[in-house]
Amino acid sequence: MARKEESQVSGSGCDPSSMDQANSDQSWVLSSLEHDQLARAKKHFIPRRHLKGPELVVIWALRIYLLFMMAVVGYQVWTAAH
């Protein structure tokens, strides 16, 4: 009874020995999967992040800077060729 109360107080539902066994079981299962099965098991969906005002300004500034620098490099290549 005291052991159960200790685990409830500490916040973990399992003792360390059972956690080690669960981790070793999981690693054994993952190591026995083929490459495509392992890739499918590791995939998880990450939703798109909705950007707010300042973040959008920074992203658009970087896009404009990229276009400007592409024009500068294109001009430099064009002038070097002539």
Protein backbone atom coordinates (compact mmCIF):
# COMPACT_ATOMS: atom_id res chain seq x y z
CA MET A 1 0.00 0.00 0.00
CA ALA A 2 2.82 2.42 0.88
CA ARG A 3 4.53 1.62 -2.45
CA LYS A 4 1.37 2.54 -4.36
CA GLU A 5 1.05 5.81 -2.46
CA GLU A 6 4.72 6.61 -3.18
CA SER A 7 4.21 6.14 -6.90
CA GLN A 8 1.10 8.33 -6.84
CA VAL A 9 2.94 11.06 -4.93
CA SER A 10 5.95 10.99 -7.26
CA GLY A 11 3.69 11.29 -10.29
CA SER A 12 4.86 8.20 -12.15
CA GLY A 13 2.62 5.22 -12.62
CA CYS A 14 5.49 2.72 -13.03
CA ASP A 15 8.62 1.92 -11.16
CA PRO A 16 12.00 2.31 -12.94
CA SER A 17 12.54 -1.43 -13.47
CA SER A 18 9.28 -1.81 -15.39
CA MET A 19 10.10 1.34 -17.42
CA ASP A 20 13.47 -0.19 -18.41
CA GLN A 21 11.73 -3.39 -19.45
CA ALA A 22 9.14 -1.47 -21.48
CA ASN A 23 11.90 0.52 -23.22
CA SER A 24 13.86 -2.63 -24.03
CA ASP A 25 10.70 -4.31 -25.36
CA GLN A 26 9.94 -1.29 -27.53
CA SER A 27 13.51 -1.12 -28.87
CA TRP A 28 13.41 -4.85 -29.65
CA VAL A 29 10.17 -4.42 -31.60
CA LEU A 30 11.53 -1.39 -33.48
CA SER A 31 14.76 -3.20 -34.35
CA SER A 32 12.82 -6.14 -35.81
CA LEU A 33 10.82 -3.96 -38.23
CA GLU A 34 11.79 -3.57 -41.87
CA HIS A 35 12.86 -0.15 -43.12
CA ASP A 36 9.48 0.92 -44.55
CA GLN A 37 7.62 -0.40 -41.50
CA LEU A 38 9.98 1.51 -39.21
CA ALA A 39 9.52 4.71 -41.21
CA ARG A 40 5.74 4.33 -41.04
CA ALA A 41 5.90 3.69 -37.26
CA LYS A 42 7.98 6.83 -36.69
CA LYS A 43 5.79 9.16 -38.78
CA HIS A 44 3.40 11.42 -36.96
CA PHE A 45 1.38 14.34 -38.22
CA ILE A 46 2.55 17.83 -37.29
CA PRO A 47 -0.11 20.43 -38.03
CA ARG A 48 0.67 23.71 -39.76
CA ARG A 49 1.42 26.60 -37.49
CA HIS A 50 -0.71 29.71 -37.84
CA LEU A 51 1.61 32.71 -37.92
CA LYS A 52 0.71 36.03 -36.36
CA GLY A 53 1.53 39.63 -37.41
CA PRO A 54 5.25 40.04 -36.58
CA GLU A 55 6.08 36.52 -37.77
CA LEU A 56 4.36 37.13 -41.10
CA VAL A 57 6.24 40.42 -41.54
CA VAL A 58 9.57 38.66 -41.01
CA ILE A 59 8.68 35.84 -43.43
CA TRP A 60 7.58 38.28 -46.13
CA ALA A 61 10.69 40.42 -45.58
CA LEU A 62 12.85 37.34 -46.09
CA ARG A 63 10.95 36.44 -49.27
CA ILE A 64 11.44 39.95 -50.68
CA TYR A 65 15.13 39.90 -49.71
CA LEU A 66 15.54 36.54 -51.45
CA LEU A 67 13.98 37.89 -54.65
CA PHE A 68 16.17 40.99 -54.48
CA MET A 69 19.33 38.92 -54.01
CA MET A 70 18.36 36.63 -56.88
CA ALA A 71 18.07 39.73 -59.09
CA VAL A 72 21.49 40.98 -57.89
CA VAL A 73 23.15 37.62 -58.60
CA GLY A 74 21.43 37.43 -61.99
CA TYR A 75 22.71 40.91 -62.84
CA GLN A 76 26.23 40.04 -61.72
CA VAL A 77 26.22 36.88 -63.88
CA TRP A 78 24.84 38.84 -66.83
CA THR A 79 27.48 41.60 -66.52
CA ALA A 80 30.29 39.07 -66.11
CA ALA A 81 29.18 37.25 -69.28
CA HIS A 82 29.24 40.46 -71.34
